[in-house]
Full PDB file with SEQRES, HELIX, SHEET, SSBOND, CRYST1, ORIGX, SCALE, CONECT and MASTER records, all heavy atoms in Angstrom:
SEQRES   1 A   43  ASP VAL THR PRO HIS ASP GLU ARG GLN ARG GLN PRO ASP          
SEQRES   2 A   43  GLN GLN ARG ALA GLU ALA ALA ARG GLY GLU VAL ALA ASP          
SEQRES   3 A   43  GLY VAL VAL VAL ALA HIS GLU ASP ARG ARG VAL ASP GLU          
SEQRES   4 A   43  GLY VAL ALA ARG                                              
HELIX    1 AA1 HIS A    5  GLN A    9  1                                   5    
HELIX    2 AA2 PRO A   12  ALA A   17  1                                   6    
CRYST1    1.000    1.000    1.000  90.00  90.00  90.00 P 1           1          
ORIGX1      1.000000  0.000000  0.000000        0.00000                         
ORIGX2      0.000000  1.000000  0.000000        0.00000                         
ORIGX3      0.000000  0.000000  1.000000        0.00000                         
SCALE1      1.000000  0.000000  0.000000        0.00000                         
SCALE2      0.000000  1.000000  0.000000        0.00000                         
SCALE3      0.000000  0.000000  1.000000        0.00000                         
ATOM      1  N   ASP A   1     -19.309 -13.491  -4.965  1.00  0.00           N  
ATOM      2  CA  ASP A   1     -17.975 -14.048  -4.835  1.00  0.00           C  
ATOM      3  C   ASP A   1     -17.001 -13.210  -4.023  1.00  0.00           C  
ATOM      4  O   ASP A   1     -15.868 -13.601  -3.834  1.00  0.00           O  
ATOM      5  CB  ASP A   1     -17.345 -14.254  -6.210  1.00  0.00           C  
ATOM      6  CG  ASP A   1     -18.069 -15.336  -7.020  1.00  0.00           C  
ATOM      7  OD1 ASP A   1     -18.599 -16.275  -6.368  1.00  0.00           O  
ATOM      8  OD2 ASP A   1     -18.175 -15.238  -8.229  1.00  0.00           O  
ATOM      9  N   VAL A   2     -17.468 -12.011  -3.589  1.00  0.00           N  
ATOM     10  CA  VAL A   2     -16.618 -11.128  -2.859  1.00  0.00           C  
ATOM     11  C   VAL A   2     -16.640 -11.524  -1.399  1.00  0.00           C  
ATOM     12  O   VAL A   2     -17.688 -11.536  -0.743  1.00  0.00           O  
ATOM     13  CB  VAL A   2     -17.099  -9.661  -3.014  1.00  0.00           C  
ATOM     14  CG1 VAL A   2     -16.192  -8.744  -2.213  1.00  0.00           C  
ATOM     15  CG2 VAL A   2     -17.071  -9.282  -4.495  1.00  0.00           C  
ATOM     16  N   THR A   3     -15.477 -11.847  -0.858  1.00  0.00           N  
ATOM     17  CA  THR A   3     -15.372 -12.282   0.547  1.00  0.00           C  
ATOM     18  C   THR A   3     -14.472 -11.327   1.330  1.00  0.00           C  
ATOM     19  O   THR A   3     -13.630 -10.671   0.749  1.00  0.00           O  
ATOM     20  CB  THR A   3     -14.757 -13.707   0.616  1.00  0.00           C  
ATOM     21  OG1 THR A   3     -13.511 -13.712  -0.062  1.00  0.00           O  
ATOM     22  CG2 THR A   3     -15.702 -14.723  -0.023  1.00  0.00           C  
ATOM     23  N   PRO A   4     -14.659 -11.251   2.623  1.00  0.00           N  
ATOM     24  CA  PRO A   4     -13.791 -10.432   3.449  1.00  0.00           C  
ATOM     25  C   PRO A   4     -12.379 -10.842   3.349  1.00  0.00           C  
ATOM     26  O   PRO A   4     -12.029 -11.980   3.016  1.00  0.00           O  
ATOM     27  CB  PRO A   4     -14.359 -10.612   4.880  1.00  0.00           C  
ATOM     28  CG  PRO A   4     -15.763 -11.135   4.687  1.00  0.00           C  
ATOM     29  CD  PRO A   4     -15.704 -11.922   3.413  1.00  0.00           C  
ATOM     30  N   HIS A   5     -11.480  -9.886   3.733  1.00  0.00           N  
ATOM     31  CA  HIS A   5     -10.041 -10.125   3.619  1.00  0.00           C  
ATOM     32  C   HIS A   5      -9.600 -11.359   4.418  1.00  0.00           C  
ATOM     33  O   HIS A   5      -8.882 -12.222   3.894  1.00  0.00           O  
ATOM     34  CB  HIS A   5      -9.293  -8.892   4.120  1.00  0.00           C  
ATOM     35  CG  HIS A   5      -7.826  -9.068   4.099  1.00  0.00           C  
ATOM     36  ND1 HIS A   5      -7.061  -8.766   2.979  1.00  0.00           N  
ATOM     37  CD2 HIS A   5      -6.956  -9.515   5.020  1.00  0.00           C  
ATOM     38  CE1 HIS A   5      -5.773  -9.028   3.238  1.00  0.00           C  
ATOM     39  NE2 HIS A   5      -5.691  -9.449   4.485  1.00  0.00           N  
ATOM     40  N   ASP A   6     -10.048 -11.427   5.673  1.00  0.00           N  
ATOM     41  CA  ASP A   6      -9.618 -12.540   6.513  1.00  0.00           C  
ATOM     42  C   ASP A   6     -10.053 -13.881   5.935  1.00  0.00           C  
ATOM     43  O   ASP A   6      -9.353 -14.882   6.033  1.00  0.00           O  
ATOM     44  CB  ASP A   6     -10.099 -12.365   7.938  1.00  0.00           C  
ATOM     45  CG  ASP A   6      -9.437 -11.262   8.630  1.00  0.00           C  
ATOM     46  OD1 ASP A   6      -8.351 -10.846   8.165  1.00  0.00           O  
ATOM     47  OD2 ASP A   6      -9.997 -10.724   9.617  1.00  0.00           O  
ATOM     48  N   GLU A   7     -11.283 -13.912   5.359  1.00  0.00           N  
ATOM     49  CA  GLU A   7     -11.777 -15.153   4.793  1.00  0.00           C  
ATOM     50  C   GLU A   7     -10.971 -15.520   3.561  1.00  0.00           C  
ATOM     51  O   GLU A   7     -10.669 -16.682   3.332  1.00  0.00           O  
ATOM     52  CB  GLU A   7     -13.256 -15.000   4.458  1.00  0.00           C  
ATOM     53  CG  GLU A   7     -13.842 -16.316   3.924  1.00  0.00           C  
ATOM     54  CD  GLU A   7     -15.348 -16.222   3.662  1.00  0.00           C  
ATOM     55  OE1 GLU A   7     -15.955 -15.232   4.087  1.00  0.00           O  
ATOM     56  OE2 GLU A   7     -15.895 -17.140   3.024  1.00  0.00           O  
ATOM     57  N   ARG A   8     -10.588 -14.518   2.727  1.00  0.00           N  
ATOM     58  CA  ARG A   8      -9.807 -14.821   1.543  1.00  0.00           C  
ATOM     59  C   ARG A   8      -8.443 -15.358   1.937  1.00  0.00           C  
ATOM     60  O   ARG A   8      -7.845 -16.125   1.229  1.00  0.00           O  
ATOM     61  CB  ARG A   8      -9.677 -13.546   0.708  1.00  0.00           C  
ATOM     62  CG  ARG A   8     -10.960 -13.233  -0.070  1.00  0.00           C  
ATOM     63  CD  ARG A   8     -10.744 -12.108  -1.022  1.00  0.00           C  
ATOM     64  NE  ARG A   8     -10.633 -10.820  -0.355  1.00  0.00           N  
ATOM     65  CZ  ARG A   8      -9.569 -10.072  -0.331  1.00  0.00           C  
ATOM     66  NH1 ARG A   8      -8.455 -10.483  -0.944  1.00  0.00           N  
ATOM     67  NH2 ARG A   8      -9.555  -8.925   0.274  1.00  0.00           N  
ATOM     68  N   GLN A   9      -7.924 -14.900   3.098  1.00  0.00           N  
ATOM     69  CA  GLN A   9      -6.647 -15.408   3.545  1.00  0.00           C  
ATOM     70  C   GLN A   9      -6.727 -16.904   3.837  1.00  0.00           C  
ATOM     71  O   GLN A   9      -5.777 -17.655   3.714  1.00  0.00           O  
ATOM     72  CB  GLN A   9      -6.190 -14.694   4.824  1.00  0.00           C  
ATOM     73  CG  GLN A   9      -5.646 -13.312   4.534  1.00  0.00           C  
ATOM     74  CD  GLN A   9      -5.050 -12.743   5.782  1.00  0.00           C  
ATOM     75  OE1 GLN A   9      -5.703 -12.754   6.830  1.00  0.00           O  
ATOM     76  NE2 GLN A   9      -3.883 -12.217   5.724  1.00  0.00           N  
ATOM     77  N   ARG A  10      -7.960 -17.382   4.245  1.00  0.00           N  
ATOM     78  CA  ARG A  10      -8.095 -18.779   4.553  1.00  0.00           C  
ATOM     79  C   ARG A  10      -8.480 -19.600   3.313  1.00  0.00           C  
ATOM     80  O   ARG A  10      -8.767 -20.807   3.408  1.00  0.00           O  
ATOM     81  CB  ARG A  10      -9.178 -18.953   5.616  1.00  0.00           C  
ATOM     82  CG  ARG A  10      -8.837 -18.319   6.967  1.00  0.00           C  
ATOM     83  CD  ARG A  10      -9.845 -18.730   8.004  1.00  0.00           C  
ATOM     84  NE  ARG A  10     -11.123 -18.212   7.766  1.00  0.00           N  
ATOM     85  CZ  ARG A  10     -11.564 -17.043   8.248  1.00  0.00           C  
ATOM     86  NH1 ARG A  10     -10.741 -16.299   8.977  1.00  0.00           N  
ATOM     87  NH2 ARG A  10     -12.757 -16.614   8.014  1.00  0.00           N  
ATOM     88  N   GLN A  11      -8.496 -18.939   2.120  1.00  0.00           N  
ATOM     89  CA  GLN A  11      -8.898 -19.626   0.901  1.00  0.00           C  
ATOM     90  C   GLN A  11      -7.792 -19.455  -0.176  1.00  0.00           C  
ATOM     91  O   GLN A  11      -7.996 -18.722  -1.143  1.00  0.00           O  
ATOM     92  CB  GLN A  11     -10.199 -19.107   0.392  1.00  0.00           C  
ATOM     93  CG  GLN A  11     -11.376 -19.294   1.395  1.00  0.00           C  
ATOM     94  CD  GLN A  11     -12.645 -18.652   0.869  1.00  0.00           C  
ATOM     95  OE1 GLN A  11     -12.694 -18.137  -0.200  1.00  0.00           O  
ATOM     96  NE2 GLN A  11     -13.676 -18.708   1.693  1.00  0.00           N  
ATOM     97  N   PRO A  12      -6.628 -20.095  -0.017  1.00  0.00           N  
ATOM     98  CA  PRO A  12      -5.553 -19.897  -0.967  1.00  0.00           C  
ATOM     99  C   PRO A  12      -5.918 -20.320  -2.360  1.00  0.00           C  
ATOM    100  O   PRO A  12      -5.479 -19.703  -3.340  1.00  0.00           O  
ATOM    101  CB  PRO A  12      -4.420 -20.733  -0.383  1.00  0.00           C  
ATOM    102  CG  PRO A  12      -5.102 -21.722   0.534  1.00  0.00           C  
ATOM    103  CD  PRO A  12      -6.271 -21.026   1.079  1.00  0.00           C  
ATOM    104  N   ASP A  13      -6.736 -21.395  -2.543  1.00  0.00           N  
ATOM    105  CA  ASP A  13      -7.109 -21.810  -3.890  1.00  0.00           C  
ATOM    106  C   ASP A  13      -7.917 -20.732  -4.585  1.00  0.00           C  
ATOM    107  O   ASP A  13      -7.750 -20.479  -5.787  1.00  0.00           O  
ATOM    108  CB  ASP A  13      -7.953 -23.110  -3.818  1.00  0.00           C  
ATOM    109  CG  ASP A  13      -7.087 -24.274  -3.326  1.00  0.00           C  
ATOM    110  OD1 ASP A  13      -5.866 -24.197  -3.520  1.00  0.00           O  
ATOM    111  OD2 ASP A  13      -7.698 -25.233  -2.784  1.00  0.00           O  
ATOM    112  N   GLN A  14      -8.825 -20.086  -3.822  1.00  0.00           N  
ATOM    113  CA  GLN A  14      -9.609 -19.005  -4.431  1.00  0.00           C  
ATOM    114  C   GLN A  14      -8.718 -17.806  -4.782  1.00  0.00           C  
ATOM    115  O   GLN A  14      -8.881 -17.173  -5.813  1.00  0.00           O  
ATOM    116  CB  GLN A  14     -10.701 -18.568  -3.487  1.00  0.00           C  
ATOM    117  CG  GLN A  14     -11.548 -17.376  -4.002  1.00  0.00           C  
ATOM    118  CD  GLN A  14     -12.601 -16.961  -3.021  1.00  0.00           C  
ATOM    119  OE1 GLN A  14     -13.015 -17.746  -2.161  1.00  0.00           O  
ATOM    120  NE2 GLN A  14     -13.067 -15.746  -3.153  1.00  0.00           N  
ATOM    121  N   GLN A  15      -7.726 -17.549  -3.888  1.00  0.00           N  
ATOM    122  CA  GLN A  15      -6.805 -16.438  -4.127  1.00  0.00           C  
ATOM    123  C   GLN A  15      -6.073 -16.649  -5.459  1.00  0.00           C  
ATOM    124  O   GLN A  15      -5.923 -15.715  -6.234  1.00  0.00           O  
ATOM    125  CB  GLN A  15      -5.803 -16.337  -3.017  1.00  0.00           C  
ATOM    126  CG  GLN A  15      -6.300 -15.591  -1.792  1.00  0.00           C  
ATOM    127  CD  GLN A  15      -5.207 -15.291  -0.843  1.00  0.00           C  
ATOM    128  OE1 GLN A  15      -4.176 -15.993  -0.821  1.00  0.00           O  
ATOM    129  NE2 GLN A  15      -5.405 -14.329   0.018  1.00  0.00           N  
ATOM    130  N   ARG A  16      -5.545 -17.864  -5.657  1.00  0.00           N  
ATOM    131  CA  ARG A  16      -4.795 -18.095  -6.877  1.00  0.00           C  
ATOM    132  C   ARG A  16      -5.637 -17.984  -8.098  1.00  0.00           C  
ATOM    133  O   ARG A  16      -5.147 -17.699  -9.198  1.00  0.00           O  
ATOM    134  CB  ARG A  16      -4.157 -19.490  -6.786  1.00  0.00           C  
ATOM    135  CG  ARG A  16      -2.955 -19.551  -5.785  1.00  0.00           C  
ATOM    136  CD  ARG A  16      -2.233 -20.874  -5.987  1.00  0.00           C  
ATOM    137  NE  ARG A  16      -3.019 -22.016  -5.527  1.00  0.00           N  
ATOM    138  CZ  ARG A  16      -2.963 -22.492  -4.300  1.00  0.00           C  
ATOM    139  NH1 ARG A  16      -2.170 -21.920  -3.404  1.00  0.00           N  
ATOM    140  NH2 ARG A  16      -3.669 -23.577  -3.975  1.00  0.00           N  
ATOM    141  N   ALA A  17      -6.972 -18.184  -7.972  1.00  0.00           N  
ATOM    142  CA  ALA A  17      -7.855 -18.111  -9.106  1.00  0.00           C  
ATOM    143  C   ALA A  17      -8.238 -16.701  -9.437  1.00  0.00           C  
ATOM    144  O   ALA A  17      -8.750 -16.448 -10.544  1.00  0.00           O  
ATOM    145  CB  ALA A  17      -9.120 -18.961  -8.853  1.00  0.00           C  
ATOM    146  N   GLU A  18      -8.085 -15.763  -8.503  1.00  0.00           N  
ATOM    147  CA  GLU A  18      -8.499 -14.397  -8.716  1.00  0.00           C  
ATOM    148  C   GLU A  18      -7.513 -13.659  -9.633  1.00  0.00           C  
ATOM    149  O   GLU A  18      -6.301 -13.852  -9.503  1.00  0.00           O  
ATOM    150  CB  GLU A  18      -8.611 -13.612  -7.423  1.00  0.00           C  
ATOM    151  CG  GLU A  18      -9.752 -14.131  -6.563  1.00  0.00           C  
ATOM    152  CD  GLU A  18      -9.813 -13.394  -5.241  1.00  0.00           C  
ATOM    153  OE1 GLU A  18      -8.862 -12.646  -4.958  1.00  0.00           O  
ATOM    154  OE2 GLU A  18     -10.783 -13.521  -4.488  1.00  0.00           O  
ATOM    155  N   ALA A  19      -7.982 -12.830 -10.485  1.00  0.00           N  
ATOM    156  CA  ALA A  19      -7.115 -11.960 -11.267  1.00  0.00           C  
ATOM    157  C   ALA A  19      -6.801 -10.703 -10.499  1.00  0.00           C  
ATOM    158  O   ALA A  19      -7.294 -10.532  -9.403  1.00  0.00           O  
ATOM    159  CB  ALA A  19      -7.793 -11.610 -12.611  1.00  0.00           C  
ATOM    160  N   ALA A  20      -6.003  -9.859 -11.067  1.00  0.00           N  
ATOM    161  CA  ALA A  20      -5.564  -8.646 -10.370  1.00  0.00           C  
ATOM    162  C   ALA A  20      -6.682  -7.632 -10.351  1.00  0.00           C  
ATOM    163  O   ALA A  20      -7.523  -7.564 -11.238  1.00  0.00           O  
ATOM    164  CB  ALA A  20      -4.328  -8.034 -11.045  1.00  0.00           C  
ATOM    165  N   ARG A  21      -6.723  -6.807  -9.303  1.00  0.00           N  
ATOM    166  CA  ARG A  21      -7.673  -5.744  -9.193  1.00  0.00           C  
ATOM    167  C   ARG A  21      -7.308  -4.597 -10.144  1.00  0.00           C  
ATOM    168  O   ARG A  21      -6.175  -4.481 -10.538  1.00  0.00           O  
ATOM    169  CB  ARG A  21      -7.756  -5.211  -7.770  1.00  0.00           C  
ATOM    170  CG  ARG A  21      -8.207  -6.253  -6.787  1.00  0.00           C  
ATOM    171  CD  ARG A  21      -8.232  -5.657  -5.388  1.00  0.00           C  
ATOM    172  NE  ARG A  21      -8.607  -6.631  -4.420  1.00  0.00           N  
ATOM    173  CZ  ARG A  21      -8.551  -6.446  -3.102  1.00  0.00           C  
ATOM    174  NH1 ARG A  21      -8.131  -5.289  -2.636  1.00  0.00           N  
ATOM    175  NH2 ARG A  21      -8.912  -7.361  -2.265  1.00  0.00           N  
ATOM    176  N   GLY A  22      -8.248  -3.712 -10.418  1.00  0.00           N  
ATOM    177  CA  GLY A  22      -7.886  -2.593 -11.267  1.00  0.00           C  
ATOM    178  C   GLY A  22      -8.633  -1.311 -10.914  1.00  0.00           C  
ATOM    179  O   GLY A  22      -9.844  -1.249 -11.040  1.00  0.00           O  
ATOM    180  N   GLU A  23      -7.908  -0.357 -10.518  1.00  0.00           N  
ATOM    181  CA  GLU A  23      -8.409   1.012 -10.322  1.00  0.00           C  
ATOM    182  C   GLU A  23      -7.261   1.966 -10.564  1.00  0.00           C  
ATOM    183  O   GLU A  23      -6.129   1.611 -10.259  1.00  0.00           O  
ATOM    184  CB  GLU A  23      -8.929   1.224  -8.873  1.00  0.00           C  
ATOM    185  CG  GLU A  23     -10.282   0.544  -8.600  1.00  0.00           C  
ATOM    186  CD  GLU A  23     -11.426   1.169  -9.381  1.00  0.00           C  
ATOM    187  OE1 GLU A  23     -11.290   2.328  -9.778  1.00  0.00           O  
ATOM    188  OE2 GLU A  23     -12.430   0.497  -9.602  1.00  0.00           O  
ATOM    189  N   VAL A  24      -7.508   3.097 -11.110  1.00  0.00           N  
ATOM    190  CA  VAL A  24      -6.464   4.044 -11.359  1.00  0.00           C  
ATOM    191  C   VAL A  24      -6.120   4.788 -10.084  1.00  0.00           C  
ATOM    192  O   VAL A  24      -7.000   5.309  -9.438  1.00  0.00           O  
ATOM    193  CB  VAL A  24      -6.889   5.062 -12.444  1.00  0.00           C  
ATOM    194  CG1 VAL A  24      -5.800   6.103 -12.679  1.00  0.00           C  
ATOM    195  CG2 VAL A  24      -7.199   4.307 -13.754  1.00  0.00           C  
ATOM    196  N   ALA A  25      -4.859   4.764  -9.707  1.00  0.00           N  
ATOM    197  CA  ALA A  25      -4.447   5.388  -8.459  1.00  0.00           C  
ATOM    198  C   ALA A  25      -4.266   6.888  -8.662  1.00  0.00           C  
ATOM    199  O   ALA A  25      -3.848   7.386  -9.713  1.00  0.00           O  
ATOM    200  CB  ALA A  25      -3.105   4.783  -7.957  1.00  0.00           C  
ATOM    201  N   ASP A  26      -4.615   7.650  -7.591  1.00  0.00           N  
ATOM    202  CA  ASP A  26      -4.300   9.071  -7.560  1.00  0.00           C  
ATOM    203  C   ASP A  26      -2.826   9.264  -7.454  1.00  0.00           C  
ATOM    204  O   ASP A  26      -2.058   8.354  -7.117  1.00  0.00           O  
ATOM    205  CB  ASP A  26      -5.001   9.762  -6.418  1.00  0.00           C  
ATOM    206  CG  ASP A  26      -6.497   9.905  -6.650  1.00  0.00           C  
ATOM    207  OD1 ASP A  26      -6.912   9.878  -7.800  1.00  0.00           O  
ATOM    208  OD2 ASP A  26      -7.200  10.054  -5.676  1.00  0.00           O  
ATOM    209  N   GLY A  27      -2.343  10.496  -7.670  1.00  0.00           N  
ATOM    210  CA  GLY A  27      -0.941  10.821  -7.528  1.00  0.00           C  
ATOM    211  C   GLY A  27      -0.513  10.823  -6.070  1.00  0.00           C  
ATOM    212  O   GLY A  27      -1.365  10.738  -5.199  1.00  0.00           O  
ATOM    213  N   VAL A  28       0.743  10.876  -5.841  1.00  0.00           N  
ATOM    214  CA  VAL A  28       1.228  10.930  -4.482  1.00  0.00           C  
ATOM    215  C   VAL A  28       1.906  12.240  -4.262  1.00  0.00           C  
ATOM    216  O   VAL A  28       2.253  12.963  -5.237  1.00  0.00           O  
ATOM    217  CB  VAL A  28       2.258   9.811  -4.221  1.00  0.00           C  
ATOM    218  CG1 VAL A  28       1.560   8.432  -4.226  1.00  0.00           C  
ATOM    219  CG2 VAL A  28       3.366   9.836  -5.226  1.00  0.00           C  
ATOM    220  N   VAL A  29       1.974  12.643  -3.012  1.00  0.00           N  
ATOM    221  CA  VAL A  29       2.512  13.978  -2.676  1.00  0.00           C  
ATOM    222  C   VAL A  29       4.032  13.843  -2.416  1.00  0.00           C  
ATOM    223  O   VAL A  29       4.430  13.016  -1.608  1.00  0.00           O  
ATOM    224  CB  VAL A  29       1.830  14.523  -1.424  1.00  0.00           C  
ATOM    225  CG1 VAL A  29       2.451  15.808  -1.015  1.00  0.00           C  
ATOM    226  CG2 VAL A  29       0.366  14.744  -1.714  1.00  0.00           C  
ATOM    227  N   VAL A  30       4.809  14.579  -3.118  1.00  0.00           N  
ATOM    228  CA  VAL A  30       6.257  14.688  -2.862  1.00  0.00           C  
ATOM    229  C   VAL A  30       6.589  16.138  -2.656  1.00  0.00           C  
ATOM    230  O   VAL A  30       6.372  16.947  -3.515  1.00  0.00           O  
ATOM    231  CB  VAL A  30       7.043  14.091  -4.018  1.00  0.00           C  
ATOM    232  CG1 VAL A  30       8.536  14.126  -3.671  1.00  0.00           C  
ATOM    233  CG2 VAL A  30       6.628  12.680  -4.335  1.00  0.00           C  
ATOM    234  N   ALA A  31       7.108  16.447  -1.515  1.00  0.00           N  
ATOM    235  CA  ALA A  31       7.549  17.822  -1.264  1.00  0.00           C  
ATOM    236  C   ALA A  31       8.995  17.961  -1.711  1.00  0.00           C  
ATOM    237  O   ALA A  31       9.784  17.050  -1.539  1.00  0.00           O  
ATOM    238  CB  ALA A  31       7.435  18.155   0.220  1.00  0.00           C  
ATOM    239  N   HIS A  32       9.315  19.071  -2.349  1.00  0.00           N  
ATOM    240  CA  HIS A  32      10.631  19.206  -2.992  1.00  0.00           C  
ATOM    241  C   HIS A  32      11.620  20.072  -2.181  1.00  0.00           C  
ATOM    242  O   HIS A  32      12.784  20.152  -2.545  1.00  0.00           O  
ATOM    243  CB  HIS A  32      10.468  19.810  -4.373  1.00  0.00           C  
ATOM    244  CG  HIS A  32       9.638  18.971  -5.265  1.00  0.00           C  
ATOM    245  ND1 HIS A  32      10.051  17.781  -5.778  1.00  0.00           N  
ATOM    246  CD2 HIS A  32       8.389  19.142  -5.720  1.00  0.00           C  
ATOM    247  CE1 HIS A  32       9.139  17.250  -6.583  1.00  0.00           C  
ATOM    248  NE2 HIS A  32       8.111  18.042  -6.522  1.00  0.00           N  
ATOM    249  N   GLU A  33      11.149  20.695  -1.118  1.00  0.00           N  
ATOM    250  CA  GLU A  33      12.050  21.506  -0.326  1.00  0.00           C  
ATOM    251  C   GLU A  33      13.035  20.608   0.427  1.00  0.00           C  
ATOM    252  O   GLU A  33      12.639  19.539   0.909  1.00  0.00           O  
ATOM    253  CB  GLU A  33      11.263  22.351   0.669  1.00  0.00           C  
ATOM    254  CG  GLU A  33      12.092  23.196   1.590  1.00  0.00           C  
ATOM    255  CD  GLU A  33      11.245  23.850   2.702  1.00  0.00           C  
ATOM    256  OE1 GLU A  33      10.039  23.642   2.630  1.00  0.00           O  
ATOM    257  OE2 GLU A  33      11.840  24.535   3.519  1.00  0.00           O  
ATOM    258  N   ASP A  34      14.241  21.006   0.563  1.00  0.00           N  
ATOM    259  CA  ASP A  34      15.222  20.190   1.262  1.00  0.00           C  
ATOM    260  C   ASP A  34      15.519  20.840   2.606  1.00  0.00           C  
ATOM    261  O   ASP A  34      15.984  21.932   2.675  1.00  0.00           O  
ATOM    262  CB  ASP A  34      16.524  20.116   0.443  1.00  0.00           C  
ATOM    263  CG  ASP A  34      17.551  19.202   1.118  1.00  0.00           C  
ATOM    264  OD1 ASP A  34      17.138  18.374   1.935  1.00  0.00           O  
ATOM    265  OD2 ASP A  34      18.732  19.312   0.763  1.00  0.00           O  
ATOM    266  N   ARG A  35      15.147  20.119   3.688  1.00  0.00           N  
ATOM    267  CA  ARG A  35      15.367  20.687   5.039  1.00  0.00           C  
ATOM    268  C   ARG A  35      16.302  19.758   5.818  1.00  0.00           C  
ATOM    269  O   ARG A  35      16.150  18.567   5.780  1.00  0.00           O  
ATOM    270  CB  ARG A  35      14.026  20.762   5.768  1.00  0.00           C  
ATOM    271  CG  ARG A  35      14.157  21.353   7.170  1.00  0.00           C  
ATOM    272  CD  ARG A  35      12.782  21.337   7.869  1.00  0.00           C  
ATOM    273  NE  ARG A  35      11.837  22.043   7.071  1.00  0.00           N  
ATOM    274  CZ  ARG A  35      10.535  21.856   7.114  1.00  0.00           C  
ATOM    275  NH1 ARG A  35      10.054  20.947   7.935  1.00  0.00           N  
ATOM    276  NH2 ARG A  35       9.698  22.539   6.362  1.00  0.00           N  
ATOM    277  N   ARG A  36      17.271  20.344   6.483  1.00  0.00           N  
ATOM    278  CA  ARG A  36      18.236  19.574   7.267  1.00  0.00           C  
ATOM    279  C   ARG A  36      17.612  19.184   8.616  1.00  0.00           C  
ATOM    280  O   ARG A  36      16.647  19.780   9.072  1.00  0.00           O  
ATOM    281  CB  ARG A  36      19.491  20.413   7.515  1.00  0.00           C  
ATOM    282  CG  ARG A  36      20.262  20.724   6.272  1.00  0.00           C  
ATOM    283  CD  ARG A  36      21.437  21.660   6.567  1.00  0.00           C  
ATOM    284  NE  ARG A  36      22.337  21.079   7.552  1.00  0.00           N  
ATOM    285  CZ  ARG A  36      23.325  20.279   7.205  1.00  0.00           C  
ATOM    286  NH1 ARG A  36      23.586  20.013   5.964  1.00  0.00           N  
ATOM    287  NH2 ARG A  36      24.118  19.754   8.146  1.00  0.00           N  
ATOM    288  N   VAL A  37      18.197  18.179   9.244  1.00  0.00           N  
ATOM    289  CA  VAL A  37      17.784  17.807  10.580  1.00  0.00           C  
ATOM    290  C   VAL A  37      18.143  18.929  11.509  1.00  0.00           C  
ATOM    291  O   VAL A  37      19.172  19.608  11.367  1.00  0.00           O  
ATOM    292  CB  VAL A  37      18.520  16.531  11.012  1.00  0.00           C  
ATOM    293  CG1 VAL A  37      18.047  16.083  12.430  1.00  0.00           C  
ATOM    294  CG2 VAL A  37      18.294  15.411  10.037  1.00  0.00           C  
ATOM    295  N   ASP A  38      17.306  19.206  12.503  1.00  0.00           N  
ATOM    296  CA  ASP A  38      17.531  20.275  13.446  1.00  0.00           C  
ATOM    297  C   ASP A  38      18.900  20.112  14.132  1.00  0.00           C  
ATOM    298  O   ASP A  38      19.350  19.027  14.318  1.00  0.00           O  
ATOM    299  CB  ASP A  38      16.485  20.280  14.534  1.00  0.00           C  
ATOM    300  CG  ASP A  38      15.180  20.824  14.073  1.00  0.00           C  
ATOM    301  OD1 ASP A  38      15.042  21.000  12.833  1.00  0.00           O  
ATOM    302  OD2 ASP A  38      14.300  21.082  14.912  1.00  0.00           O  
ATOM    303  N   GLU A  39      19.482  21.231  14.498  1.00  0.00           N  
ATOM    304  CA  GLU A  39      20.707  21.198  15.282  1.00  0.00           C  
ATOM    305  C   GLU A  39      20.439  20.467  16.605  1.00  0.00           C  
ATOM    306  O   GLU A  39      19.432  20.668  17.248  1.00  0.00           O  
ATOM    307  CB  GLU A  39      21.235  22.596  15.557  1.00  0.00           C  
ATOM    308  CG  GLU A  39      21.755  23.306  14.326  1.00  0.00           C  
ATOM    309  CD  GLU A  39      22.368  24.637  14.708  1.00  0.00           C  
ATOM    310  OE1 GLU A  39      22.585  24.891  15.884  1.00  0.00           O  
ATOM    311  OE2 GLU A  39      22.623  25.447  13.754  1.00  0.00           O  
ATOM    312  N   GLY A  40      21.363  19.644  16.998  1.00  0.00           N  
ATOM    313  CA  GLY A  40      21.184  18.882  18.227  1.00  0.00           C  
ATOM    314  C   GLY A  40      20.501  17.546  18.007  1.00  0.00           C  
ATOM    315  O   GLY A  40      20.414  16.766  18.911  1.00  0.00           O  
ATOM    316  N   VAL A  41      19.996  17.307  16.806  1.00  0.00           N  
ATOM    317  CA  VAL A  41      19.294  16.064  16.526  1.00  0.00           C  
ATOM    318  C   VAL A  41      20.218  15.109  15.769  1.00  0.00           C  
ATOM    319  O   VAL A  41      20.162  13.915  15.892  1.00  0.00           O  
ATOM    320  CB  VAL A  41      18.019  16.308  15.681  1.00  0.00           C  
ATOM    321  CG1 VAL A  41      17.430  14.978  15.177  1.00  0.00           C  
ATOM    322  CG2 VAL A  41      16.997  17.033  16.541  1.00  0.00           C  
ATOM    323  N   ALA A  42      21.170  15.677  14.999  1.00  0.00           N  
ATOM    324  CA  ALA A  42      21.946  14.876  14.069  1.00  0.00           C  
ATOM    325  C   ALA A  42      22.736  13.761  14.791  1.00  0.00           C  
ATOM    326  O   ALA A  42      22.743  12.625  14.334  1.00  0.00           O  
ATOM    327  CB  ALA A  42      22.926  15.766  13.255  1.00  0.00           C  
ATOM    328  N   ARG A  43      23.370  14.092  15.881  1.00  0.00           N  
ATOM    329  CA  ARG A  43      24.164  13.017  16.577  1.00  0.00           C  
ATOM    330  C   ARG A  43      23.936  13.155  18.108  1.00  0.00           C  
ATOM    331  O   ARG A  43      24.889  13.359  18.889  1.00  0.00           O  
ATOM    332  CB  ARG A  43      25.646  13.179  16.271  1.00  0.00           C  
ATOM    333  CG  ARG A  43      25.967  13.085  14.802  1.00  0.00           C  
ATOM    334  CD  ARG A  43      27.440  13.138  14.535  1.00  0.00           C  
ATOM    335  NE  ARG A  43      28.112  12.001  15.121  1.00  0.00           N  
ATOM    336  CZ  ARG A  43      28.207  10.796  14.540  1.00  0.00           C  
ATOM    337  NH1 ARG A  43      27.614  10.585  13.384  1.00  0.00           N  
ATOM    338  NH2 ARG A  43      28.836   9.786  15.111  1.00  0.00           N  
TER     339      ARG A  43                                                      
MASTER        0    0    0    2    0    0    0    6  338    1    0    4          
END                                                                             
């Protein structure tokens, strides 16, 4: 029942019948240092 993305786009009835996918996502990277825009770039 697994079809390529483009084919699933052409099958809206099948899309509505599918349930949600499930996988645990990894974390995302957030850097905490605050850096200003370089001089000469701001305006």
